[in-house]
Amino acid sequence: MSPSISADLGAAPRGFRGRILGLRPPESGRLPPEELERRLIELGFVEGALVEILHEGLFGGDPIAVRLQSATIALRRREAAAILVEPLS
């Protein structure tokens, strides 16, 4: 990912460090988009927050462990795909 391009956190590799640009929950998923967005915001996934992917599961890279500010949170990649990020330069 180049510094000027945004992508979703679910597609980022282990070691990625970036800043959250916003949320874009999918219309089709296990949770209604509004519910997923509410849960992510409650966890602290808000615009401007710094994130880093610390670890990924052995099978298919799922789930991922994400450092968000000073907390570590586990997310499924399909949930992380709702988080738009830009890499830190």
PDB file of N, CA and C in Angstrom:
ATOM      1  N   MET A   1       0.838  -1.190   0.000  1.00  0.00           N
ATOM      2  CA  MET A   1       0.000   0.000   0.000  1.00  0.00           C
ATOM      3  C   MET A   1       0.874   1.242   0.000  1.00  0.00           C
ATOM      4  N   SER A   2       0.611   2.157  -0.879  1.00  0.00           N
ATOM      5  CA  SER A   2       1.385   3.394  -0.877  1.00  0.00           C
ATOM      6  C   SER A   2       0.766   4.363   0.119  1.00  0.00           C
ATOM      7  N   PRO A   3       1.542   5.312   0.661  1.00  0.00           N
ATOM      8  CA  PRO A   3       1.053   6.209   1.687  1.00  0.00           C
ATOM      9  C   PRO A   3      -0.168   7.029   1.291  1.00  0.00           C
ATOM     10  N   SER A   4      -0.408   7.228  -0.003  1.00  0.00           N
ATOM     11  CA  SER A   4      -1.528   8.080  -0.396  1.00  0.00           C
ATOM     12  C   SER A   4      -2.795   7.285  -0.694  1.00  0.00           C
ATOM     13  N   ILE A   5      -2.739   5.957  -0.603  1.00  0.00           N
ATOM     14  CA  ILE A   5      -3.880   5.128  -0.947  1.00  0.00           C
ATOM     15  C   ILE A   5      -4.495   4.551   0.323  1.00  0.00           C
ATOM     16  N   SER A   6      -5.820   4.602   0.397  1.00  0.00           N
ATOM     17  CA  SER A   6      -6.501   4.007   1.535  1.00  0.00           C
ATOM     18  C   SER A   6      -6.996   2.625   1.151  1.00  0.00           C
ATOM     19  N   ALA A   7      -7.170   1.777   2.140  1.00  0.00           N
ATOM     20  CA  ALA A   7      -7.667   0.423   1.943  1.00  0.00           C
ATOM     21  C   ALA A   7      -8.397   0.009   3.209  1.00  0.00           C
ATOM     22  N   ASP A   8      -8.903  -1.220   3.217  1.00  0.00           N
ATOM     23  CA  ASP A   8      -9.559  -1.670   4.443  1.00  0.00           C
ATOM     24  C   ASP A   8      -8.575  -2.467   5.300  1.00  0.00           C
ATOM     25  N   LEU A   9      -8.779  -2.419   6.587  1.00  0.00           N
ATOM     26  CA  LEU A   9      -7.883  -3.068   7.540  1.00  0.00           C
ATOM     27  C   LEU A   9      -7.879  -4.582   7.358  1.00  0.00           C
ATOM     28  N   GLY A  10      -8.985  -5.146   6.896  1.00  0.00           N
ATOM     29  CA  GLY A  10      -9.065  -6.584   6.692  1.00  0.00           C
ATOM     30  C   GLY A  10      -8.116  -7.090   5.621  1.00  0.00           C
ATOM     31  N   ALA A  11      -7.709  -6.245   4.703  1.00  0.00           N
ATOM     32  CA  ALA A  11      -6.806  -6.638   3.622  1.00  0.00           C
ATOM     33  C   ALA A  11      -5.336  -6.373   3.954  1.00  0.00           C
ATOM     34  N   ALA A  12      -5.080  -5.737   5.078  1.00  0.00           N
ATOM     35  CA  ALA A  12      -3.709  -5.355   5.435  1.00  0.00           C
ATOM     36  C   ALA A  12      -2.940  -6.553   6.002  1.00  0.00           C
ATOM     37  N   PRO A  13      -1.639  -6.612   5.752  1.00  0.00           N
ATOM     38  CA  PRO A  13      -0.813  -7.716   6.260  1.00  0.00           C
ATOM     39  C   PRO A  13      -0.383  -7.491   7.711  1.00  0.00           C
ATOM     40  N   ARG A  14       0.102  -8.559   8.323  1.00  0.00           N
ATOM     41  CA  ARG A  14       0.657  -8.441   9.676  1.00  0.00           C
ATOM     42  C   ARG A  14       1.787  -7.418   9.651  1.00  0.00           C
ATOM     43  N   GLY A  15       1.864  -6.568  10.663  1.00  0.00           N
ATOM     44  CA  GLY A  15       2.879  -5.525  10.727  1.00  0.00           C
ATOM     45  C   GLY A  15       2.399  -4.185  10.191  1.00  0.00           C
ATOM     46  N   PHE A  16       1.239  -4.174   9.536  1.00  0.00           N
ATOM     47  CA  PHE A  16       0.699  -2.911   9.012  1.00  0.00           C
ATOM     48  C   PHE A  16       0.487  -1.927  10.153  1.00  0.00           C
ATOM     49  N   ARG A  17       0.866  -0.673   9.917  1.00  0.00           N
ATOM     50  CA  ARG A  17       0.611   0.420  10.864  1.00  0.00           C
ATOM     51  C   ARG A  17      -0.059   1.539  10.097  1.00  0.00           C
ATOM     52  N   GLY A  18      -1.169   2.044  10.630  1.00  0.00           N
ATOM     53  CA  GLY A  18      -1.870   3.099   9.915  1.00  0.00           C
ATOM     54  C   GLY A  18      -2.813   3.895  10.792  1.00  0.00           C
ATOM     55  N   ARG A  19      -3.573   4.735  10.116  1.00  0.00           N
ATOM     56  CA  ARG A  19      -4.532   5.629  10.770  1.00  0.00           C
ATOM     57  C   ARG A  19      -5.915   5.346  10.183  1.00  0.00           C
ATOM     58  N   ILE A  20      -6.915   5.350  11.040  1.00  0.00           N
ATOM     59  CA  ILE A  20      -8.286   5.089  10.598  1.00  0.00           C
ATOM     60  C   ILE A  20      -8.853   6.330   9.914  1.00  0.00           C
ATOM     61  N   LEU A  21      -9.408   6.106   8.715  1.00  0.00           N
ATOM     62  CA  LEU A  21     -10.051   7.186   7.959  1.00  0.00           C
ATOM     63  C   LEU A  21     -11.554   7.214   8.177  1.00  0.00           C
ATOM     64  N   GLY A  22     -12.137   6.068   8.475  1.00  0.00           N
ATOM     65  CA  GLY A  22     -13.581   5.985   8.674  1.00  0.00           C
ATOM     66  C   GLY A  22     -14.038   4.541   8.655  1.00  0.00           C
ATOM     67  N   LEU A  23     -15.352   4.356   8.710  1.00  0.00           N
ATOM     68  CA  LEU A  23     -15.945   3.026   8.699  1.00  0.00           C
ATOM     69  C   LEU A  23     -16.865   2.886   7.502  1.00  0.00           C
ATOM     70  N   ARG A  24     -16.903   1.658   6.945  1.00  0.00           N
ATOM     71  CA  ARG A  24     -17.771   1.362   5.818  1.00  0.00           C
ATOM     72  C   ARG A  24     -18.262  -0.076   5.971  1.00  0.00           C
ATOM     73  N   PRO A  25     -19.234  -0.295   6.876  1.00  0.00           N
ATOM     74  CA  PRO A  25     -19.737  -1.662   7.075  1.00  0.00           C
ATOM     75  C   PRO A  25     -20.446  -2.176   5.826  1.00  0.00           C
ATOM     76  N   PRO A  26     -20.256  -3.458   5.496  1.00  0.00           N
ATOM     77  CA  PRO A  26     -20.912  -4.022   4.310  1.00  0.00           C
ATOM     78  C   PRO A  26     -22.406  -4.206   4.540  1.00  0.00           C
ATOM     79  N   GLU A  27     -23.169  -4.156   3.474  1.00  0.00           N
ATOM     80  CA  GLU A  27     -24.613  -4.372   3.559  1.00  0.00           C
ATOM     81  C   GLU A  27     -24.941  -5.828   3.849  1.00  0.00           C
ATOM     82  N   SER A  28     -24.109  -6.735   3.357  1.00  0.00           N
ATOM     83  CA  SER A  28     -24.352  -8.153   3.605  1.00  0.00           C
ATOM     84  C   SER A  28     -23.331  -8.654   4.614  1.00  0.00           C
ATOM     85  N   GLY A  29     -23.813  -9.181   5.684  1.00  0.00           N
ATOM     86  CA  GLY A  29     -22.922  -9.682   6.719  1.00  0.00           C
ATOM     87  C   GLY A  29     -23.736 -10.319   7.819  1.00  0.00           C
ATOM     88  N   ARG A  30     -23.048 -10.795   8.829  1.00  0.00           N
ATOM     89  CA  ARG A  30     -23.742 -11.444   9.946  1.00  0.00           C
ATOM     90  C   ARG A  30     -24.524 -10.433  10.772  1.00  0.00           C
ATOM     91  N   LEU A  31     -24.029  -9.217  10.837  1.00  0.00           N
ATOM     92  CA  LEU A  31     -24.693  -8.161  11.600  1.00  0.00           C
ATOM     93  C   LEU A  31     -25.212  -7.096  10.645  1.00  0.00           C
ATOM     94  N   PRO A  32     -26.297  -6.433  11.014  1.00  0.00           N
ATOM     95  CA  PRO A  32     -26.711  -5.269  10.216  1.00  0.00           C
ATOM     96  C   PRO A  32     -25.590  -4.227  10.228  1.00  0.00           C
ATOM     97  N   PRO A  33     -25.415  -3.472   9.132  1.00  0.00           N
ATOM     98  CA  PRO A  33     -24.316  -2.496   9.060  1.00  0.00           C
ATOM     99  C   PRO A  33     -24.288  -1.521  10.240  1.00  0.00           C
ATOM    100  N   GLU A  34     -25.445  -1.076  10.679  1.00  0.00           N
ATOM    101  CA  GLU A  34     -25.499  -0.108  11.792  1.00  0.00           C
ATOM    102  C   GLU A  34     -24.967  -0.726  13.080  1.00  0.00           C
ATOM    103  N   GLU A  35     -25.271  -2.015  13.304  1.00  0.00           N
ATOM    104  CA  GLU A  35     -24.824  -2.695  14.514  1.00  0.00           C
ATOM    105  C   GLU A  35     -23.304  -2.895  14.497  1.00  0.00           C
ATOM    106  N   LEU A  36     -22.751  -3.317  13.370  1.00  0.00           N
ATOM    107  CA  LEU A  36     -21.299  -3.485  13.268  1.00  0.00           C
ATOM    108  C   LEU A  36     -20.594  -2.148  13.467  1.00  0.00           C
ATOM    109  N   GLU A  37     -21.118  -1.095  12.843  1.00  0.00           N
ATOM    110  CA  GLU A  37     -20.518   0.235  13.009  1.00  0.00           C
ATOM    111  C   GLU A  37     -20.552   0.667  14.472  1.00  0.00           C
ATOM    112  N   ARG A  38     -21.676   0.460  15.147  1.00  0.00           N
ATOM    113  CA  ARG A  38     -21.799   0.836  16.558  1.00  0.00           C
ATOM    114  C   ARG A  38     -20.782   0.075  17.406  1.00  0.00           C
ATOM    115  N   ARG A  39     -20.640  -1.220  17.168  1.00  0.00           N
ATOM    116  CA  ARG A  39     -19.711  -2.032  17.955  1.00  0.00           C
ATOM    117  C   ARG A  39     -18.262  -1.597  17.732  1.00  0.00           C
ATOM    118  N   LEU A  40     -17.897  -1.322  16.480  1.00  0.00           N
ATOM    119  CA  LEU A  40     -16.531  -0.888  16.200  1.00  0.00           C
ATOM    120  C   LEU A  40     -16.232   0.459  16.863  1.00  0.00           C
ATOM    121  N   ILE A  41     -17.187   1.373  16.818  1.00  0.00           N
ATOM    122  CA  ILE A  41     -16.994   2.676  17.466  1.00  0.00           C
ATOM    123  C   ILE A  41     -16.841   2.503  18.974  1.00  0.00           C
ATOM    124  N   GLU A  42     -17.665   1.627  19.570  1.00  0.00           N
ATOM    125  CA  GLU A  42     -17.567   1.389  21.014  1.00  0.00           C
ATOM    126  C   GLU A  42     -16.202   0.818  21.404  1.00  0.00           C
ATOM    127  N   LEU A  43     -15.590   0.047  20.511  1.00  0.00           N
ATOM    128  CA  LEU A  43     -14.259  -0.505  20.780  1.00  0.00           C
ATOM    129  C   LEU A  43     -13.155   0.532  20.596  1.00  0.00           C
ATOM    130  N   GLY A  44     -13.480   1.666  19.948  1.00  0.00           N
ATOM    131  CA  GLY A  44     -12.496   2.726  19.762  1.00  0.00           C
ATOM    132  C   GLY A  44     -11.999   2.895  18.341  1.00  0.00           C
ATOM    133  N   PHE A  45     -12.611   2.185  17.382  1.00  0.00           N
ATOM    134  CA  PHE A  45     -12.223   2.315  15.981  1.00  0.00           C
ATOM    135  C   PHE A  45     -12.879   3.572  15.417  1.00  0.00           C
ATOM    136  N   VAL A  46     -12.257   4.706  15.690  1.00  0.00           N
ATOM    137  CA  VAL A  46     -12.792   6.003  15.282  1.00  0.00           C
ATOM    138  C   VAL A  46     -11.779   6.711  14.388  1.00  0.00           C
ATOM    139  N   GLU A  47     -12.268   7.657  13.618  1.00  0.00           N
ATOM    140  CA  GLU A  47     -11.417   8.406  12.693  1.00  0.00           C
ATOM    141  C   GLU A  47     -10.222   9.018  13.416  1.00  0.00           C
ATOM    142  N   GLY A  48      -9.041   8.808  12.858  1.00  0.00           N
ATOM    143  CA  GLY A  48      -7.813   9.374  13.418  1.00  0.00           C
ATOM    144  C   GLY A  48      -7.060   8.449  14.352  1.00  0.00           C
ATOM    145  N   ALA A  49      -7.706   7.380  14.826  1.00  0.00           N
ATOM    146  CA  ALA A  49      -7.031   6.456  15.746  1.00  0.00           C
ATOM    147  C   ALA A  49      -5.939   5.685  15.008  1.00  0.00           C
ATOM    148  N   LEU A  50      -4.861   5.393  15.716  1.00  0.00           N
ATOM    149  CA  LEU A  50      -3.752   4.633  15.150  1.00  0.00           C
ATOM    150  C   LEU A  50      -3.974   3.142  15.381  1.00  0.00           C
ATOM    151  N   VAL A  51      -3.683   2.333  14.356  1.00  0.00           N
ATOM    152  CA  VAL A  51      -3.854   0.887  14.456  1.00  0.00           C
ATOM    153  C   VAL A  51      -2.603   0.177  13.943  1.00  0.00           C
ATOM    154  N   GLU A  52      -2.396  -1.032  14.458  1.00  0.00           N
ATOM    155  CA  GLU A  52      -1.292  -1.868  14.008  1.00  0.00           C
ATOM    156  C   GLU A  52      -1.748  -3.314  14.075  1.00  0.00           C
ATOM    157  N   ILE A  53      -1.489  -4.100  13.032  1.00  0.00           N
ATOM    158  CA  ILE A  53      -1.822  -5.520  13.062  1.00  0.00           C
ATOM    159  C   ILE A  53      -0.639  -6.259  13.673  1.00  0.00           C
ATOM    160  N   LEU A  54      -0.880  -6.856  14.839  1.00  0.00           N
ATOM    161  CA  LEU A  54       0.180  -7.516  15.599  1.00  0.00           C
ATOM    162  C   LEU A  54       0.333  -8.985  15.244  1.00  0.00           C
ATOM    163  N   HIS A  55      -0.763  -9.655  14.981  1.00  0.00           N
ATOM    164  CA  HIS A  55      -0.741 -11.105  14.799  1.00  0.00           C
ATOM    165  C   HIS A  55      -1.909 -11.508  13.929  1.00  0.00           C
ATOM    166  N   GLU A  56      -1.777 -12.646  13.253  1.00  0.00           N
ATOM    167  CA  GLU A  56      -2.891 -13.193  12.495  1.00  0.00           C
ATOM    168  C   GLU A  56      -2.957 -14.692  12.734  1.00  0.00           C
ATOM    169  N   GLY A  57      -4.153 -15.240  12.673  1.00  0.00           N
ATOM    170  CA  GLY A  57      -4.354 -16.666  12.891  1.00  0.00           C
ATOM    171  C   GLY A  57      -3.599 -17.507  11.872  1.00  0.00           C
ATOM    172  N   LEU A  58      -3.303 -18.743  12.253  1.00  0.00           N
ATOM    173  CA  LEU A  58      -2.527 -19.638  11.396  1.00  0.00           C
ATOM    174  C   LEU A  58      -3.294 -20.085  10.155  1.00  0.00           C
ATOM    175  N   PHE A  59      -4.583 -20.290  10.272  1.00  0.00           N
ATOM    176  CA  PHE A  59      -5.372 -20.819   9.167  1.00  0.00           C
ATOM    177  C   PHE A  59      -6.140 -19.695   8.490  1.00  0.00           C
ATOM    178  N   GLY A  60      -5.669 -19.288   7.332  1.00  0.00           N
ATOM    179  CA  GLY A  60      -6.336 -18.231   6.585  1.00  0.00           C
ATOM    180  C   GLY A  60      -6.085 -16.836   7.126  1.00  0.00           C
ATOM    181  N   GLY A  61      -5.200 -16.695   8.112  1.00  0.00           N
ATOM    182  CA  GLY A  61      -4.892 -15.376   8.658  1.00  0.00           C
ATOM    183  C   GLY A  61      -6.024 -14.758   9.457  1.00  0.00           C
ATOM    184  N   ASP A  62      -6.908 -15.598   9.978  1.00  0.00           N
ATOM    185  CA  ASP A  62      -8.085 -15.100  10.684  1.00  0.00           C
ATOM    186  C   ASP A  62      -8.197 -15.804  12.023  1.00  0.00           C
ATOM    187  N   PRO A  63      -8.436 -15.103  13.124  1.00  0.00           N
ATOM    188  CA  PRO A  63      -8.644 -13.658  13.269  1.00  0.00           C
ATOM    189  C   PRO A  63      -7.317 -12.912  13.310  1.00  0.00           C
ATOM    190  N   ILE A  64      -7.408 -11.592  13.414  1.00  0.00           N
ATOM    191  CA  ILE A  64      -6.211 -10.771  13.555  1.00  0.00           C
ATOM    192  C   ILE A  64      -6.234 -10.094  14.922  1.00  0.00           C
ATOM    193  N   ALA A  65      -5.052  -9.849  15.459  1.00  0.00           N
ATOM    194  CA  ALA A  65      -4.909  -9.083  16.700  1.00  0.00           C
ATOM    195  C   ALA A  65      -4.464  -7.686  16.298  1.00  0.00           C
ATOM    196  N   VAL A  66      -5.233  -6.695  16.719  1.00  0.00           N
ATOM    197  CA  VAL A  66      -4.992  -5.307  16.331  1.00  0.00           C
ATOM    198  C   VAL A  66      -4.686  -4.475  17.566  1.00  0.00           C
ATOM    199  N   ARG A  67      -3.590  -3.728  17.512  1.00  0.00           N
ATOM    200  CA  ARG A  67      -3.328  -2.746  18.567  1.00  0.00           C
ATOM    201  C   ARG A  67      -4.046  -1.473  18.163  1.00  0.00           C
ATOM    202  N   LEU A  68      -4.898  -1.008  19.043  1.00  0.00           N
ATOM    203  CA  LEU A  68      -5.674   0.215  18.823  1.00  0.00           C
ATOM    204  C   LEU A  68      -5.361   1.127  19.995  1.00  0.00           C
ATOM    205  N   GLN A  69      -4.585   2.184  19.700  1.00  0.00           N
ATOM    206  CA  GLN A  69      -4.061   3.039  20.756  1.00  0.00           C
ATOM    207  C   GLN A  69      -3.258   2.142  21.699  1.00  0.00           C
ATOM    208  N   SER A  70      -3.698   1.910  22.944  1.00  0.00           N
ATOM    209  CA  SER A  70      -2.917   1.081  23.869  1.00  0.00           C
ATOM    210  C   SER A  70      -3.589  -0.259  24.155  1.00  0.00           C
ATOM    211  N   ALA A  71      -4.697  -0.577  23.477  1.00  0.00           N
ATOM    212  CA  ALA A  71      -5.417  -1.838  23.693  1.00  0.00           C
ATOM    213  C   ALA A  71      -5.121  -2.820  22.558  1.00  0.00           C
ATOM    214  N   THR A  72      -5.257  -4.111  22.850  1.00  0.00           N
ATOM    215  CA  THR A  72      -5.144  -5.143  21.825  1.00  0.00           C
ATOM    216  C   THR A  72      -6.511  -5.799  21.681  1.00  0.00           C
ATOM    217  N   ILE A  73      -7.000  -5.849  20.442  1.00  0.00           N
ATOM    218  CA  ILE A  73      -8.350  -6.328  20.156  1.00  0.00           C
ATOM    219  C   ILE A  73      -8.270  -7.376  19.053  1.00  0.00           C
ATOM    220  N   ALA A  74      -9.018  -8.469  19.202  1.00  0.00           N
ATOM    221  CA  ALA A  74      -9.095  -9.489  18.161  1.00  0.00           C
ATOM    222  C   ALA A  74     -10.316  -9.213  17.290  1.00  0.00           C
ATOM    223  N   LEU A  75     -10.128  -9.286  15.977  1.00  0.00           N
ATOM    224  CA  LEU A  75     -11.212  -9.064  15.013  1.00  0.00           C
ATOM    225  C   LEU A  75     -11.141 -10.117  13.923  1.00  0.00           C
ATOM    226  N   ARG A  76     -12.285 -10.479  13.400  1.00  0.00           N
ATOM    227  CA  ARG A  76     -12.311 -11.278  12.179  1.00  0.00           C
ATOM    228  C   ARG A  76     -11.957 -10.344  11.030  1.00  0.00           C
ATOM    229  N   ARG A  77     -11.336 -10.884  10.016  1.00  0.00           N
ATOM    230  CA  ARG A  77     -10.968 -10.046   8.870  1.00  0.00           C
ATOM    231  C   ARG A  77     -12.198  -9.441   8.198  1.00  0.00           C
ATOM    232  N   ARG A  78     -13.319 -10.164   8.175  1.00  0.00           N
ATOM    233  CA  ARG A  78     -14.524  -9.602   7.542  1.00  0.00           C
ATOM    234  C   ARG A  78     -15.054  -8.399   8.327  1.00  0.00           C
ATOM    235  N   GLU A  79     -14.840  -8.375   9.650  1.00  0.00           N
ATOM    236  CA  GLU A  79     -15.209  -7.200  10.445  1.00  0.00           C
ATOM    237  C   GLU A  79     -14.205  -6.075  10.215  1.00  0.00           C
ATOM    238  N   ALA A  80     -12.923  -6.434  10.156  1.00  0.00           N
ATOM    239  CA  ALA A  80     -11.872  -5.434   9.931  1.00  0.00           C
ATOM    240  C   ALA A  80     -12.000  -4.793   8.553  1.00  0.00           C
ATOM    241  N   ALA A  81     -12.646  -5.486   7.609  1.00  0.00           N
ATOM    242  CA  ALA A  81     -12.825  -4.941   6.271  1.00  0.00           C
ATOM    243  C   ALA A  81     -13.714  -3.691   6.273  1.00  0.00           C
ATOM    244  N   ALA A  82     -14.458  -3.492   7.340  1.00  0.00           N
ATOM    245  CA  ALA A  82     -15.325  -2.312   7.459  1.00  0.00           C
ATOM    246  C   ALA A  82     -14.547  -1.069   7.894  1.00  0.00           C
ATOM    247  N   ILE A  83     -13.258  -1.238   8.237  1.00  0.00           N
ATOM    248  CA  ILE A  83     -12.445  -0.130   8.761  1.00  0.00           C
ATOM    249  C   ILE A  83     -11.520   0.360   7.649  1.00  0.00           C
ATOM    250  N   LEU A  84     -11.723   1.585   7.215  1.00  0.00           N
ATOM    251  CA  LEU A  84     -10.882   2.182   6.171  1.00  0.00           C
ATOM    252  C   LEU A  84      -9.651   2.812   6.823  1.00  0.00           C
ATOM    253  N   VAL A  85      -8.481   2.496   6.276  1.00  0.00           N
ATOM    254  CA  VAL A  85      -7.224   2.970   6.864  1.00  0.00           C
ATOM    255  C   VAL A  85      -6.291   3.509   5.795  1.00  0.00           C
ATOM    256  N   GLU A  86      -5.340   4.313   6.250  1.00  0.00           N
ATOM    257  CA  GLU A  86      -4.236   4.746   5.399  1.00  0.00           C
ATOM    258  C   GLU A  86      -2.957   4.394   6.135  1.00  0.00           C
ATOM    259  N   PRO A  87      -1.940   3.915   5.416  1.00  0.00           N
ATOM    260  CA  PRO A  87      -0.684   3.567   6.081  1.00  0.00           C
ATOM    261  C   PRO A  87       0.031   4.808   6.598  1.00  0.00           C
ATOM    262  N   LEU A  88       0.776   4.622   7.679  1.00  0.00           N
ATOM    263  CA  LEU A  88       1.620   5.696   8.189  1.00  0.00           C
ATOM    264  C   LEU A  88       2.855   5.765   7.296  1.00  0.00           C
ATOM    265  N   SER A  89       3.307   6.968   7.026  1.00  0.00           N
ATOM    266  CA  SER A  89       4.483   7.081   6.156  1.00  0.00           C
ATOM    267  C   SER A  89       5.762   6.988   6.948  1.00  0.00           C
TER     268      SER A  89
END
